[in-house]
């Protein structure tokens, strides 16, 4: 078992959730039940699955939850791209979020590989 609160991937992903929530508050009202909800759910799923997986009794089970977390990160990456393509977010903002998300994806993959 791992203490998820001490994992860098969990802490960084929680910070990223807060960033995403601030970002989606700027999206058009029409997306309130569309992209906004999807992006919030995908973002929250990343640290949630890391935390849940950390309680599992085997590293194999934990790795499965890390894969789910990674899947949510890829989902969020897609939703960020759609937001950019629809001109809801500017190129600079998109690039900043994309860089943070790519780093998080690499960290999750790297940690999963160490289990």
C-alpha atoms as a PDB file:
ATOM      1  CA  UNK A   1       0.000   0.000   0.000  1.00  0.00           C
ATOM      2  CA  UNK A   2       1.129   3.515  -0.788  1.00  0.00           C
ATOM      3  CA  UNK A   3       0.324   6.761   0.962  1.00  0.00           C
ATOM      4  CA  UNK A   4      -1.229   8.645  -1.944  1.00  0.00           C
ATOM      5  CA  UNK A   5      -0.847  12.000  -0.191  1.00  0.00           C
ATOM      6  CA  UNK A   6       2.937  11.629  -0.424  1.00  0.00           C
ATOM      7  CA  UNK A   7       2.946  10.829  -4.143  1.00  0.00           C
ATOM      8  CA  UNK A   8       4.073  13.643  -6.440  1.00  0.00           C
ATOM      9  CA  UNK A   9       1.712  12.400  -9.152  1.00  0.00           C
ATOM     10  CA  UNK A  10      -1.264  12.748  -6.812  1.00  0.00           C
ATOM     11  CA  UNK A  11      -0.257  16.208  -5.547  1.00  0.00           C
ATOM     12  CA  UNK A  12       0.433  17.551  -9.040  1.00  0.00           C
ATOM     13  CA  UNK A  13      -2.804  16.102 -10.372  1.00  0.00           C
ATOM     14  CA  UNK A  14      -4.811  17.742  -7.565  1.00  0.00           C
ATOM     15  CA  UNK A  15      -3.194  21.071  -8.441  1.00  0.00           C
ATOM     16  CA  UNK A  16      -4.058  20.447 -12.086  1.00  0.00           C
ATOM     17  CA  UNK A  17      -7.714  19.810 -11.179  1.00  0.00           C
ATOM     18  CA  UNK A  18      -7.866  23.254  -9.595  1.00  0.00           C
ATOM     19  CA  UNK A  19      -6.324  24.750 -12.744  1.00  0.00           C
ATOM     20  CA  UNK A  20      -8.900  23.005 -14.927  1.00  0.00           C
ATOM     21  CA  UNK A  21     -11.782  24.210 -12.764  1.00  0.00           C
ATOM     22  CA  UNK A  22     -10.529  27.778 -13.101  1.00  0.00           C
ATOM     23  CA  UNK A  23     -10.152  27.325 -16.867  1.00  0.00           C
ATOM     24  CA  UNK A  24     -13.622  25.917 -17.485  1.00  0.00           C
ATOM     25  CA  UNK A  25     -15.175  28.807 -15.592  1.00  0.00           C
ATOM     26  CA  UNK A  26     -14.097  30.898 -18.590  1.00  0.00           C
ATOM     27  CA  UNK A  27     -15.782  28.677 -21.192  1.00  0.00           C
ATOM     28  CA  UNK A  28     -19.075  29.796 -22.729  1.00  0.00           C
ATOM     29  CA  UNK A  29     -22.224  29.166 -20.703  1.00  0.00           C
ATOM     30  CA  UNK A  30     -23.552  26.951 -23.512  1.00  0.00           C
ATOM     31  CA  UNK A  31     -20.838  24.395 -22.603  1.00  0.00           C
ATOM     32  CA  UNK A  32     -21.898  24.203 -18.951  1.00  0.00           C
ATOM     33  CA  UNK A  33     -23.358  20.719 -19.409  1.00  0.00           C
ATOM     34  CA  UNK A  34     -21.044  19.739 -22.244  1.00  0.00           C
ATOM     35  CA  UNK A  35     -17.322  20.307 -22.257  1.00  0.00           C
ATOM     36  CA  UNK A  36     -17.258  21.893 -18.797  1.00  0.00           C
ATOM     37  CA  UNK A  37     -18.745  18.842 -17.109  1.00  0.00           C
ATOM     38  CA  UNK A  38     -16.647  16.404 -19.147  1.00  0.00           C
ATOM     39  CA  UNK A  39     -13.425  18.255 -18.439  1.00  0.00           C
ATOM     40  CA  UNK A  40     -14.155  18.500 -14.720  1.00  0.00           C
ATOM     41  CA  UNK A  41     -14.960  14.793 -14.482  1.00  0.00           C
ATOM     42  CA  UNK A  42     -11.885  13.738 -16.433  1.00  0.00           C
ATOM     43  CA  UNK A  43      -9.639  16.013 -14.374  1.00  0.00           C
ATOM     44  CA  UNK A  44     -11.007  14.818 -11.025  1.00  0.00           C
ATOM     45  CA  UNK A  45     -10.725  11.211 -12.172  1.00  0.00           C
ATOM     46  CA  UNK A  46      -6.938  11.496 -12.426  1.00  0.00           C
ATOM     47  CA  UNK A  47      -6.092  11.982  -8.711  1.00  0.00           C
ATOM     48  CA  UNK A  48      -9.162  10.023  -7.606  1.00  0.00           C
ATOM     49  CA  UNK A  49      -7.973   6.856  -9.335  1.00  0.00           C
ATOM     50  CA  UNK A  50      -4.439   7.343  -8.031  1.00  0.00           C
ATOM     51  CA  UNK A  51      -5.820   7.578  -4.492  1.00  0.00           C
ATOM     52  CA  UNK A  52      -8.146   4.616  -4.911  1.00  0.00           C
ATOM     53  CA  UNK A  53      -5.444   2.477  -6.482  1.00  0.00           C
ATOM     54  CA  UNK A  54      -3.020   3.236  -3.676  1.00  0.00           C
ATOM     55  CA  UNK A  55      -5.292   1.352  -1.271  1.00  0.00           C
ATOM     56  CA  UNK A  56      -5.135  -1.867  -3.271  1.00  0.00           C
ATOM     57  CA  UNK A  57      -3.222  -4.768  -1.832  1.00  0.00           C
ATOM     58  CA  UNK A  58      -1.119  -5.502  -4.891  1.00  0.00           C
ATOM     59  CA  UNK A  59       0.982  -3.409  -7.222  1.00  0.00           C
ATOM     60  CA  UNK A  60      -0.784  -5.069 -10.159  1.00  0.00           C
ATOM     61  CA  UNK A  61      -4.114  -3.689  -8.940  1.00  0.00           C
ATOM     62  CA  UNK A  62      -2.567  -0.279  -8.301  1.00  0.00           C
ATOM     63  CA  UNK A  63      -1.135  -0.271 -11.838  1.00  0.00           C
ATOM     64  CA  UNK A  64      -4.628  -0.902 -13.218  1.00  0.00           C
ATOM     65  CA  UNK A  65      -5.939   2.204 -11.440  1.00  0.00           C
ATOM     66  CA  UNK A  66      -2.969   4.189 -12.730  1.00  0.00           C
ATOM     67  CA  UNK A  67      -3.966   3.115 -16.244  1.00  0.00           C
ATOM     68  CA  UNK A  68      -7.488   4.379 -15.603  1.00  0.00           C
ATOM     69  CA  UNK A  69      -6.011   7.645 -14.349  1.00  0.00           C
ATOM     70  CA  UNK A  70      -3.893   7.864 -17.479  1.00  0.00           C
ATOM     71  CA  UNK A  71      -6.963   7.222 -19.627  1.00  0.00           C
ATOM     72  CA  UNK A  72      -8.685  10.160 -17.952  1.00  0.00           C
ATOM     73  CA  UNK A  73      -5.634  12.304 -18.661  1.00  0.00           C
ATOM     74  CA  UNK A  74      -5.832  11.394 -22.362  1.00  0.00           C
ATOM     75  CA  UNK A  75      -9.552  12.120 -22.348  1.00  0.00           C
ATOM     76  CA  UNK A  76      -8.844  15.541 -20.850  1.00  0.00           C
ATOM     77  CA  UNK A  77      -6.142  16.148 -23.450  1.00  0.00           C
ATOM     78  CA  UNK A  78      -8.737  15.584 -26.161  1.00  0.00           C
ATOM     79  CA  UNK A  79     -11.240  17.907 -24.503  1.00  0.00           C
ATOM     80  CA  UNK A  80      -8.602  20.624 -24.208  1.00  0.00           C
ATOM     81  CA  UNK A  81      -7.869  20.270 -27.917  1.00  0.00           C
ATOM     82  CA  UNK A  82     -11.577  20.520 -28.772  1.00  0.00           C
ATOM     83  CA  UNK A  83     -11.834  23.637 -26.603  1.00  0.00           C
ATOM     84  CA  UNK A  84      -8.919  25.132 -28.494  1.00  0.00           C
ATOM     85  CA  UNK A  85     -10.337  24.163 -31.908  1.00  0.00           C
ATOM     86  CA  UNK A  86     -13.622  25.828 -30.978  1.00  0.00           C
ATOM     87  CA  UNK A  87     -11.661  28.976 -30.005  1.00  0.00           C
ATOM     88  CA  UNK A  88     -12.830  28.717 -26.392  1.00  0.00           C
ATOM     89  CA  UNK A  89      -9.224  28.947 -25.230  1.00  0.00           C
ATOM     90  CA  UNK A  90      -6.301  30.741 -26.799  1.00  0.00           C
ATOM     91  CA  UNK A  91      -3.200  29.062 -28.184  1.00  0.00           C
ATOM     92  CA  UNK A  92      -0.961  30.139 -25.301  1.00  0.00           C
ATOM     93  CA  UNK A  93      -3.404  28.814 -22.696  1.00  0.00           C
ATOM     94  CA  UNK A  94      -3.806  25.575 -24.619  1.00  0.00           C
ATOM     95  CA  UNK A  95      -0.034  25.097 -24.800  1.00  0.00           C
ATOM     96  CA  UNK A  96       0.411  25.757 -21.070  1.00  0.00           C
ATOM     97  CA  UNK A  97      -2.242  23.217 -20.135  1.00  0.00           C
ATOM     98  CA  UNK A  98      -0.961  20.724 -22.690  1.00  0.00           C
ATOM     99  CA  UNK A  99       2.565  20.937 -21.242  1.00  0.00           C
ATOM    100  CA  UNK A 100       1.329  20.402 -17.677  1.00  0.00           C
ATOM    101  CA  UNK A 101      -0.828  17.499 -18.767  1.00  0.00           C
ATOM    102  CA  UNK A 102       1.975  15.872 -20.766  1.00  0.00           C
ATOM    103  CA  UNK A 103       4.251  16.081 -17.738  1.00  0.00           C
ATOM    104  CA  UNK A 104       1.567  14.493 -15.583  1.00  0.00           C
ATOM    105  CA  UNK A 105       1.042  11.712 -18.129  1.00  0.00           C
ATOM    106  CA  UNK A 106       4.782  10.974 -18.187  1.00  0.00           C
ATOM    107  CA  UNK A 107       4.893  10.917 -14.380  1.00  0.00           C
ATOM    108  CA  UNK A 108       1.969   8.510 -14.124  1.00  0.00           C
ATOM    109  CA  UNK A 109       3.483   6.236 -16.781  1.00  0.00           C
ATOM    110  CA  UNK A 110       6.870   6.330 -15.083  1.00  0.00           C
ATOM    111  CA  UNK A 111       5.423   5.530 -11.691  1.00  0.00           C
ATOM    112  CA  UNK A 112       3.344   2.690 -13.128  1.00  0.00           C
ATOM    113  CA  UNK A 113       6.477   1.223 -14.669  1.00  0.00           C
ATOM    114  CA  UNK A 114       8.208   1.144 -11.279  1.00  0.00           C
ATOM    115  CA  UNK A 115       5.485  -0.969  -9.652  1.00  0.00           C
END
